[in-house]
């Protein structure tokens, strides 16, 4: 049996996700002004900071972006000396990329700045409320998992 009130509440949450995502992307972009970094470059840096040395195709699969898009971002980050290429023992023609010390330091500064804003929002909620929100979002991700892009062939939403 469908609980109409609960369904309406969840639908309202779903309806809010897109504008929240857009505003968060714009906030991240604003924090990057003057750094020479784009939101995409920041995403690659974040991934490399967590995953360590990774190939362009693997970064693309993880971020659900085409290899060509990732290659452009990697090229730009390499020019800025924020990442460095390393030999890939598993594949001679696909090097691994990792953050440089400078890249780790710059990404740390970016995250610290972002955390300051996140902490302000966090003051409005208890830990239990945040955990409940995470539980709801994770449940929606799980329920709609069949609609995930093939990481080898990501599709646009247009």
N, C-alpha and C. Protein backbone atom coordinates (compact mmCIF):
# COMPACT_ATOMS: atom_id res chain seq x y z
N UNK A 1 0.84 -1.18 0.00
CA UNK A 1 0.00 0.00 0.00
C UNK A 1 0.89 1.25 0.00
N UNK A 2 0.53 2.21 -0.81
CA UNK A 2 1.29 3.45 -0.93
C UNK A 2 0.86 4.43 0.15
N UNK A 3 1.87 4.95 0.85
CA UNK A 3 1.64 6.00 1.85
C UNK A 3 1.78 7.33 1.10
N UNK A 4 0.66 7.94 0.75
CA UNK A 4 0.69 9.15 -0.07
C UNK A 4 1.45 10.30 0.57
N UNK A 5 1.32 10.46 1.88
CA UNK A 5 2.02 11.55 2.56
C UNK A 5 3.54 11.34 2.48
N UNK A 6 3.98 10.11 2.75
CA UNK A 6 5.41 9.81 2.70
C UNK A 6 5.94 9.94 1.27
N UNK A 7 5.16 9.47 0.31
CA UNK A 7 5.55 9.58 -1.10
C UNK A 7 5.71 11.05 -1.49
N UNK A 8 4.78 11.89 -1.05
CA UNK A 8 4.86 13.32 -1.36
C UNK A 8 6.09 13.96 -0.71
N UNK A 9 6.42 13.55 0.51
CA UNK A 9 7.60 14.09 1.17
C UNK A 9 8.88 13.68 0.45
N UNK A 10 8.95 12.42 0.04
CA UNK A 10 10.13 11.96 -0.69
C UNK A 10 10.23 12.65 -2.05
N UNK A 11 9.09 12.82 -2.72
CA UNK A 11 9.11 13.51 -4.01
C UNK A 11 9.63 14.94 -3.83
N UNK A 12 9.23 15.60 -2.78
CA UNK A 12 9.72 16.97 -2.52
C UNK A 12 11.23 16.96 -2.33
N UNK A 13 11.75 15.97 -1.63
CA UNK A 13 13.19 15.84 -1.46
C UNK A 13 13.86 15.63 -2.82
N UNK A 14 13.32 14.74 -3.64
CA UNK A 14 13.87 14.49 -4.97
C UNK A 14 13.84 15.76 -5.80
N UNK A 15 12.76 16.50 -5.74
CA UNK A 15 12.62 17.74 -6.50
C UNK A 15 13.68 18.77 -6.11
N UNK A 16 14.10 18.75 -4.86
CA UNK A 16 15.09 19.71 -4.38
C UNK A 16 16.53 19.32 -4.71
N UNK A 17 16.76 18.08 -5.07
CA UNK A 17 18.14 17.62 -5.30
C UNK A 17 18.81 18.39 -6.44
N UNK A 18 18.11 18.59 -7.55
CA UNK A 18 18.75 19.28 -8.69
C UNK A 18 19.18 20.71 -8.34
N UNK A 19 18.30 21.55 -7.78
CA UNK A 19 18.80 22.90 -7.45
C UNK A 19 19.88 22.89 -6.38
N UNK A 20 19.83 21.95 -5.45
CA UNK A 20 20.91 21.86 -4.46
C UNK A 20 22.21 21.51 -5.16
N UNK A 21 22.16 20.55 -6.06
CA UNK A 21 23.36 20.15 -6.81
C UNK A 21 23.92 21.34 -7.60
N UNK A 22 23.06 22.08 -8.26
CA UNK A 22 23.50 23.23 -9.05
C UNK A 22 24.13 24.31 -8.16
N UNK A 23 23.51 24.60 -7.03
CA UNK A 23 24.06 25.62 -6.13
C UNK A 23 25.38 25.16 -5.52
N UNK A 24 25.48 23.89 -5.19
CA UNK A 24 26.74 23.38 -4.65
C UNK A 24 27.85 23.48 -5.71
N UNK A 25 27.53 23.15 -6.95
CA UNK A 25 28.52 23.25 -8.03
C UNK A 25 28.97 24.70 -8.20
N UNK A 26 28.02 25.63 -8.12
CA UNK A 26 28.38 27.05 -8.25
C UNK A 26 29.20 27.52 -7.05
N UNK A 27 28.89 27.01 -5.87
CA UNK A 27 29.67 27.38 -4.68
C UNK A 27 31.10 26.86 -4.80
N UNK A 28 31.24 25.63 -5.28
CA UNK A 28 32.58 25.07 -5.48
C UNK A 28 33.33 25.91 -6.51
N UNK A 29 32.65 26.25 -7.60
CA UNK A 29 33.25 27.06 -8.65
C UNK A 29 33.71 28.42 -8.09
N UNK A 30 32.90 29.03 -7.26
CA UNK A 30 33.25 30.33 -6.67
C UNK A 30 34.49 30.21 -5.79
N UNK A 31 34.61 29.11 -5.06
CA UNK A 31 35.77 28.89 -4.20
C UNK A 31 37.05 28.71 -5.01
N UNK A 32 36.90 28.32 -6.29
CA UNK A 32 38.06 28.06 -7.14
C UNK A 32 38.56 29.30 -7.88
N UNK A 33 37.81 30.40 -7.80
CA UNK A 33 38.22 31.62 -8.51
C UNK A 33 39.62 32.01 -8.04
N UNK A 34 40.48 32.26 -9.02
CA UNK A 34 41.85 32.66 -8.72
C UNK A 34 42.82 31.50 -8.56
N UNK A 35 42.33 30.28 -8.55
CA UNK A 35 43.22 29.12 -8.39
C UNK A 35 43.70 28.58 -9.73
N UNK A 36 43.01 28.95 -10.81
CA UNK A 36 43.33 28.38 -12.12
C UNK A 36 42.72 27.01 -12.32
N UNK A 37 41.88 26.59 -11.37
CA UNK A 37 41.26 25.27 -11.44
C UNK A 37 39.79 25.37 -11.82
N UNK A 38 39.31 24.35 -12.52
CA UNK A 38 37.88 24.23 -12.84
C UNK A 38 37.27 23.22 -11.87
N UNK A 39 35.96 23.13 -11.88
CA UNK A 39 35.27 22.15 -11.04
C UNK A 39 35.69 20.73 -11.45
N UNK A 40 35.85 20.50 -12.74
CA UNK A 40 36.30 19.19 -13.21
C UNK A 40 37.70 18.85 -12.74
N UNK A 41 38.59 19.82 -12.79
CA UNK A 41 39.96 19.60 -12.32
C UNK A 41 39.96 19.30 -10.82
N UNK A 42 39.12 20.00 -10.08
CA UNK A 42 39.00 19.76 -8.65
C UNK A 42 38.52 18.33 -8.39
N UNK A 43 37.56 17.87 -9.20
CA UNK A 43 37.03 16.51 -9.03
C UNK A 43 38.13 15.47 -9.27
N UNK A 44 38.95 15.68 -10.28
CA UNK A 44 40.06 14.76 -10.55
C UNK A 44 41.05 14.78 -9.38
N UNK A 45 41.36 15.97 -8.88
CA UNK A 45 42.27 16.06 -7.74
C UNK A 45 41.71 15.34 -6.52
N UNK A 46 40.41 15.51 -6.26
CA UNK A 46 39.80 14.84 -5.12
C UNK A 46 39.90 13.33 -5.28
N UNK A 47 39.58 12.85 -6.48
CA UNK A 47 39.64 11.40 -6.72
C UNK A 47 41.06 10.89 -6.52
N UNK A 48 42.05 11.56 -7.10
CA UNK A 48 43.44 11.10 -6.96
C UNK A 48 43.90 11.18 -5.51
N UNK A 49 43.41 12.16 -4.77
CA UNK A 49 43.77 12.26 -3.35
C UNK A 49 43.29 11.07 -2.55
N UNK A 50 42.15 10.51 -2.95
CA UNK A 50 41.60 9.36 -2.23
C UNK A 50 42.13 8.04 -2.78
N UNK A 51 42.21 7.94 -4.12
CA UNK A 51 42.54 6.67 -4.76
C UNK A 51 44.04 6.45 -4.95
N UNK A 52 44.81 7.53 -4.97
CA UNK A 52 46.23 7.40 -5.29
C UNK A 52 46.42 7.34 -6.79
N UNK A 53 47.60 6.92 -7.21
CA UNK A 53 47.96 6.91 -8.63
C UNK A 53 46.97 6.06 -9.44
N UNK A 54 46.41 6.68 -10.47
CA UNK A 54 45.34 6.06 -11.26
C UNK A 54 45.49 6.45 -12.73
N UNK A 55 45.06 5.58 -13.62
CA UNK A 55 45.11 5.88 -15.06
C UNK A 55 43.91 6.74 -15.46
N UNK A 56 44.05 7.40 -16.61
CA UNK A 56 42.97 8.23 -17.13
C UNK A 56 41.69 7.43 -17.34
N UNK A 57 41.75 6.23 -17.98
CA UNK A 57 40.50 5.47 -18.14
C UNK A 57 39.83 5.12 -16.81
N UNK A 58 40.64 4.79 -15.80
CA UNK A 58 40.07 4.45 -14.50
C UNK A 58 39.46 5.67 -13.80
N UNK A 59 40.09 6.83 -13.97
CA UNK A 59 39.51 8.06 -13.41
C UNK A 59 38.17 8.32 -14.09
N UNK A 60 38.13 8.19 -15.41
CA UNK A 60 36.89 8.41 -16.17
C UNK A 60 35.78 7.50 -15.71
N UNK A 61 36.09 6.21 -15.51
CA UNK A 61 35.06 5.27 -15.05
C UNK A 61 34.54 5.66 -13.66
N UNK A 62 35.46 6.06 -12.78
CA UNK A 62 35.07 6.41 -11.41
C UNK A 62 34.21 7.67 -11.37
N UNK A 63 34.51 8.63 -12.26
CA UNK A 63 33.78 9.90 -12.26
C UNK A 63 32.65 9.93 -13.28
N UNK A 64 32.46 8.82 -13.99
CA UNK A 64 31.41 8.71 -15.01
C UNK A 64 31.54 9.79 -16.07
N UNK A 65 32.79 10.00 -16.50
CA UNK A 65 33.08 10.94 -17.58
C UNK A 65 33.88 10.23 -18.64
N UNK A 66 33.76 10.69 -19.87
CA UNK A 66 34.50 10.09 -20.98
C UNK A 66 36.00 10.25 -20.77
N UNK A 67 36.75 9.26 -21.23
CA UNK A 67 38.20 9.28 -21.10
C UNK A 67 38.78 10.56 -21.70
N UNK A 68 38.23 11.00 -22.82
CA UNK A 68 38.74 12.20 -23.49
C UNK A 68 38.58 13.44 -22.60
N UNK A 69 37.45 13.54 -21.89
CA UNK A 69 37.24 14.67 -20.98
C UNK A 69 38.26 14.64 -19.85
N UNK A 70 38.48 13.45 -19.30
CA UNK A 70 39.45 13.31 -18.21
C UNK A 70 40.85 13.64 -18.71
N UNK A 71 41.17 13.21 -19.93
CA UNK A 71 42.51 13.48 -20.46
C UNK A 71 42.78 14.98 -20.54
N UNK A 72 41.78 15.75 -20.96
CA UNK A 72 41.95 17.21 -21.02
C UNK A 72 42.20 17.79 -19.63
N UNK A 73 41.44 17.32 -18.64
CA UNK A 73 41.61 17.81 -17.27
C UNK A 73 42.98 17.43 -16.72
N UNK A 74 43.39 16.21 -16.99
CA UNK A 74 44.70 15.72 -16.53
C UNK A 74 45.82 16.53 -17.18
N UNK A 75 45.68 16.81 -18.47
CA UNK A 75 46.69 17.61 -19.16
C UNK A 75 46.84 18.98 -18.49
N UNK A 76 45.71 19.61 -18.18
CA UNK A 76 45.75 20.93 -17.53
C UNK A 76 46.37 20.85 -16.14
N UNK A 77 46.01 19.83 -15.37
CA UNK A 77 46.58 19.67 -14.03
C UNK A 77 48.07 19.39 -14.08
N UNK A 78 48.48 18.65 -15.09
CA UNK A 78 49.90 18.35 -15.25
C UNK A 78 50.68 19.62 -15.60
N UNK A 79 50.12 20.47 -16.45
CA UNK A 79 50.77 21.75 -16.80
C UNK A 79 50.95 22.62 -15.56
N UNK A 80 49.99 22.56 -14.65
CA UNK A 80 50.06 23.34 -13.41
C UNK A 80 50.94 22.68 -12.35
N UNK A 81 51.49 21.51 -12.69
CA UNK A 81 52.34 20.73 -11.79
C UNK A 81 51.62 20.32 -10.50
N UNK A 82 50.31 20.10 -10.62
CA UNK A 82 49.52 19.63 -9.48
C UNK A 82 49.40 18.12 -9.47
N UNK A 83 49.63 17.51 -10.63
CA UNK A 83 49.70 16.06 -10.73
C UNK A 83 50.93 15.69 -11.55
N UNK A 84 51.35 14.46 -11.40
CA UNK A 84 52.53 13.98 -12.13
C UNK A 84 52.24 12.58 -12.65
N UNK A 85 52.77 12.30 -13.85
CA UNK A 85 52.58 10.97 -14.42
C UNK A 85 53.67 10.02 -13.94
N UNK A 86 53.28 8.76 -13.80
CA UNK A 86 54.18 7.70 -13.36
C UNK A 86 53.97 6.51 -14.27
N UNK A 87 55.00 5.68 -14.43
CA UNK A 87 54.83 4.47 -15.25
C UNK A 87 53.74 3.58 -14.66
N UNK A 88 53.04 2.90 -15.56
CA UNK A 88 51.99 1.97 -15.15
C UNK A 88 52.49 0.56 -15.44
N UNK A 89 52.82 -0.21 -14.42
CA UNK A 89 53.34 -1.56 -14.67
C UNK A 89 52.32 -2.46 -15.38
N UNK A 90 51.04 -2.14 -15.28
CA UNK A 90 50.00 -2.96 -15.90
C UNK A 90 49.72 -2.58 -17.35
N UNK A 91 50.18 -1.39 -17.77
CA UNK A 91 49.84 -0.92 -19.13
C UNK A 91 50.85 0.14 -19.56
N UNK A 92 51.68 -0.21 -20.54
CA UNK A 92 52.77 0.70 -20.95
C UNK A 92 52.28 2.01 -21.56
N UNK A 93 51.12 2.00 -22.23
CA UNK A 93 50.66 3.21 -22.92
C UNK A 93 49.67 4.03 -22.11
N UNK A 94 49.33 3.60 -20.91
CA UNK A 94 48.38 4.33 -20.07
C UNK A 94 49.03 4.62 -18.72
N UNK A 95 49.74 5.76 -18.62
CA UNK A 95 50.43 6.05 -17.36
C UNK A 95 49.47 6.27 -16.20
N UNK A 96 50.03 6.22 -15.02
CA UNK A 96 49.27 6.54 -13.81
C UNK A 96 49.53 8.00 -13.47
N UNK A 97 48.54 8.64 -12.88
CA UNK A 97 48.68 10.03 -12.45
C UNK A 97 48.42 10.10 -10.95
N UNK A 98 49.21 10.93 -10.29
CA UNK A 98 49.07 11.11 -8.84
C UNK A 98 49.29 12.58 -8.51
N UNK A 99 48.71 13.02 -7.40
CA UNK A 99 48.93 14.39 -6.94
C UNK A 99 50.40 14.59 -6.58
N UNK A 100 50.89 15.77 -6.89
CA UNK A 100 52.21 16.17 -6.40
C UNK A 100 52.04 16.72 -4.98
N UNK A 101 53.14 17.00 -4.31
CA UNK A 101 53.04 17.62 -2.99
C UNK A 101 52.29 18.94 -3.09
N UNK A 102 52.57 19.70 -4.14
CA UNK A 102 51.88 20.97 -4.36
C UNK A 102 50.39 20.75 -4.59
N UNK A 103 50.06 19.72 -5.35
CA UNK A 103 48.65 19.39 -5.60
C UNK A 103 47.92 19.01 -4.33
N UNK A 104 48.57 18.20 -3.50
CA UNK A 104 47.96 17.80 -2.21
C UNK A 104 47.75 19.02 -1.33
N UNK A 105 48.73 19.91 -1.30
CA UNK A 105 48.61 21.11 -0.47
C UNK A 105 47.49 22.01 -0.98
N UNK A 106 47.43 22.22 -2.30
CA UNK A 106 46.39 23.09 -2.85
C UNK A 106 45.00 22.47 -2.64
N UNK A 107 44.88 21.17 -2.83
CA UNK A 107 43.58 20.56 -2.62
C UNK A 107 43.19 20.63 -1.13
N UNK A 108 44.15 20.49 -0.25
CA UNK A 108 43.87 20.63 1.18
C UNK A 108 43.33 22.00 1.53
N UNK A 109 43.88 23.04 0.89
CA UNK A 109 43.38 24.40 1.11
C UNK A 109 41.95 24.56 0.57
N UNK A 110 41.70 23.97 -0.58
CA UNK A 110 40.35 24.03 -1.17
C UNK A 110 39.34 23.36 -0.23
N UNK A 111 39.67 22.17 0.26
CA UNK A 111 38.76 21.45 1.15
C UNK A 111 38.55 22.19 2.47
N UNK A 112 39.59 22.79 2.98
CA UNK A 112 39.44 23.54 4.24
C UNK A 112 38.47 24.69 4.05
N UNK A 113 38.56 25.36 2.92
CA UNK A 113 37.65 26.47 2.62
C UNK A 113 36.21 25.96 2.47
N UNK A 114 36.06 24.84 1.79
CA UNK A 114 34.72 24.25 1.63
C UNK A 114 34.15 23.80 2.97
N UNK A 115 35.01 23.21 3.79
CA UNK A 115 34.56 22.72 5.10
C UNK A 115 34.03 23.84 5.98
N UNK A 116 34.57 25.04 5.83
CA UNK A 116 34.09 26.17 6.63
C UNK A 116 32.61 26.44 6.32
N UNK A 117 32.24 26.41 5.04
CA UNK A 117 30.83 26.61 4.67
C UNK A 117 29.97 25.44 5.11
N UNK A 118 30.48 24.23 4.92
CA UNK A 118 29.72 23.03 5.30
C UNK A 118 29.46 23.03 6.80
N UNK A 119 30.44 23.46 7.58
CA UNK A 119 30.27 23.51 9.04
C UNK A 119 29.17 24.48 9.44
N UNK A 120 29.04 25.58 8.72
CA UNK A 120 27.97 26.55 9.02
C UNK A 120 26.59 25.91 8.81
N UNK A 121 26.44 25.16 7.73
CA UNK A 121 25.17 24.47 7.49
C UNK A 121 24.96 23.39 8.55
N UNK A 122 26.04 22.69 8.88
CA UNK A 122 25.95 21.61 9.85
C UNK A 122 25.47 22.04 11.23
N UNK A 123 25.68 23.31 11.56
CA UNK A 123 25.23 23.82 12.86
C UNK A 123 23.71 23.78 12.99
N UNK A 124 23.02 23.70 11.88
CA UNK A 124 21.56 23.73 11.88
C UNK A 124 20.93 22.38 12.19
N UNK A 125 21.76 21.32 12.22
CA UNK A 125 21.22 19.96 12.34
C UNK A 125 21.97 19.16 13.39
N UNK A 126 21.27 18.21 13.96
CA UNK A 126 21.91 17.28 14.87
C UNK A 126 22.61 16.19 14.04
N UNK A 127 23.50 15.48 14.68
CA UNK A 127 24.16 14.35 14.02
C UNK A 127 23.15 13.31 13.57
N UNK A 128 22.11 13.12 14.36
CA UNK A 128 21.06 12.16 14.02
C UNK A 128 20.30 12.58 12.77
N UNK A 129 20.01 13.88 12.65
CA UNK A 129 19.31 14.37 11.46
C UNK A 129 20.17 14.19 10.21
N UNK A 130 21.45 14.46 10.33
CA UNK A 130 22.35 14.29 9.19
C UNK A 130 22.42 12.81 8.81
N UNK A 131 22.52 11.94 9.79
CA UNK A 131 22.57 10.50 9.52
C UNK A 131 21.28 10.04 8.84
N UNK A 132 20.14 10.58 9.27
CA UNK A 132 18.86 10.22 8.64
C UNK A 132 18.82 10.68 7.19
N UNK A 133 19.31 11.88 6.92
CA UNK A 133 19.34 12.39 5.55
C UNK A 133 20.23 11.51 4.68
N UNK A 134 21.39 11.12 5.21
CA UNK A 134 22.28 10.24 4.46
C UNK A 134 21.61 8.90 4.17
N UNK A 135 20.88 8.40 5.14
CA UNK A 135 20.20 7.12 4.97
C UNK A 135 19.16 7.20 3.85
N UNK A 136 18.42 8.29 3.80
CA UNK A 136 17.39 8.47 2.76
C UNK A 136 18.05 8.58 1.38
N UNK A 137 19.08 9.39 1.27
CA UNK A 137 19.75 9.57 -0.03
C UNK A 137 20.39 8.25 -0.47
N UNK A 138 21.02 7.53 0.42
CA UNK A 138 21.62 6.24 0.07
C UNK A 138 20.56 5.23 -0.37
N UNK A 139 19.41 5.24 0.29
CA UNK A 139 18.33 4.34 -0.11
C UNK A 139 17.85 4.66 -1.52
N UNK A 140 17.75 5.95 -1.87
CA UNK A 140 17.34 6.32 -3.22
C UNK A 140 18.41 5.91 -4.23
N UNK A 141 19.68 6.10 -3.89
CA UNK A 141 20.75 5.66 -4.79
C UNK A 141 20.67 4.16 -5.03
N UNK A 142 20.45 3.40 -3.97
CA UNK A 142 20.34 1.94 -4.11
C UNK A 142 19.12 1.55 -4.94
N UNK A 143 17.98 2.16 -4.65
CA UNK A 143 16.74 1.80 -5.34
C UNK A 143 16.82 2.08 -6.85
N UNK A 144 17.46 3.20 -7.21
CA UNK A 144 17.53 3.61 -8.62
C UNK A 144 18.87 3.24 -9.27
N UNK A 145 19.61 2.31 -8.67
CA UNK A 145 20.93 1.93 -9.17
C UNK A 145 20.90 1.40 -10.60
N UNK A 146 19.81 0.77 -11.00
CA UNK A 146 19.75 0.20 -12.36
C UNK A 146 19.84 1.27 -13.44
N UNK A 147 19.64 2.52 -13.08
CA UNK A 147 19.68 3.60 -14.05
C UNK A 147 21.05 4.28 -14.12
N UNK A 148 22.04 3.73 -13.40
CA UNK A 148 23.39 4.27 -13.42
C UNK A 148 23.99 4.12 -14.81
N UNK A 149 24.78 5.09 -15.21
CA UNK A 149 25.49 5.01 -16.48
C UNK A 149 26.49 3.87 -16.47
N UNK A 150 26.74 3.34 -17.65
CA UNK A 150 27.86 2.43 -17.84
C UNK A 150 29.10 3.31 -17.72
N UNK A 151 30.00 3.05 -16.77
CA UNK A 151 31.13 3.93 -16.58
C UNK A 151 32.06 3.99 -17.80
N UNK A 152 31.96 3.01 -18.69
CA UNK A 152 32.76 3.03 -19.92
C UNK A 152 32.09 3.84 -21.02
N UNK A 153 30.79 4.13 -20.84
CA UNK A 153 30.05 4.91 -21.84
C UNK A 153 29.04 5.81 -21.14
N UNK A 154 29.52 6.82 -20.40
CA UNK A 154 28.58 7.69 -19.70
C UNK A 154 27.73 8.49 -20.68
N UNK A 155 26.48 8.73 -20.31
CA UNK A 155 25.55 9.47 -21.15
C UNK A 155 25.22 10.82 -20.50
N UNK A 156 24.96 11.80 -21.33
CA UNK A 156 24.51 13.09 -20.81
C UNK A 156 23.05 12.99 -20.40
N UNK A 157 22.56 13.99 -19.71
CA UNK A 157 21.16 13.99 -19.26
C UNK A 157 20.27 14.84 -20.15
N UNK A 158 20.79 15.36 -21.24
CA UNK A 158 20.01 16.22 -22.11
C UNK A 158 18.93 15.44 -22.81
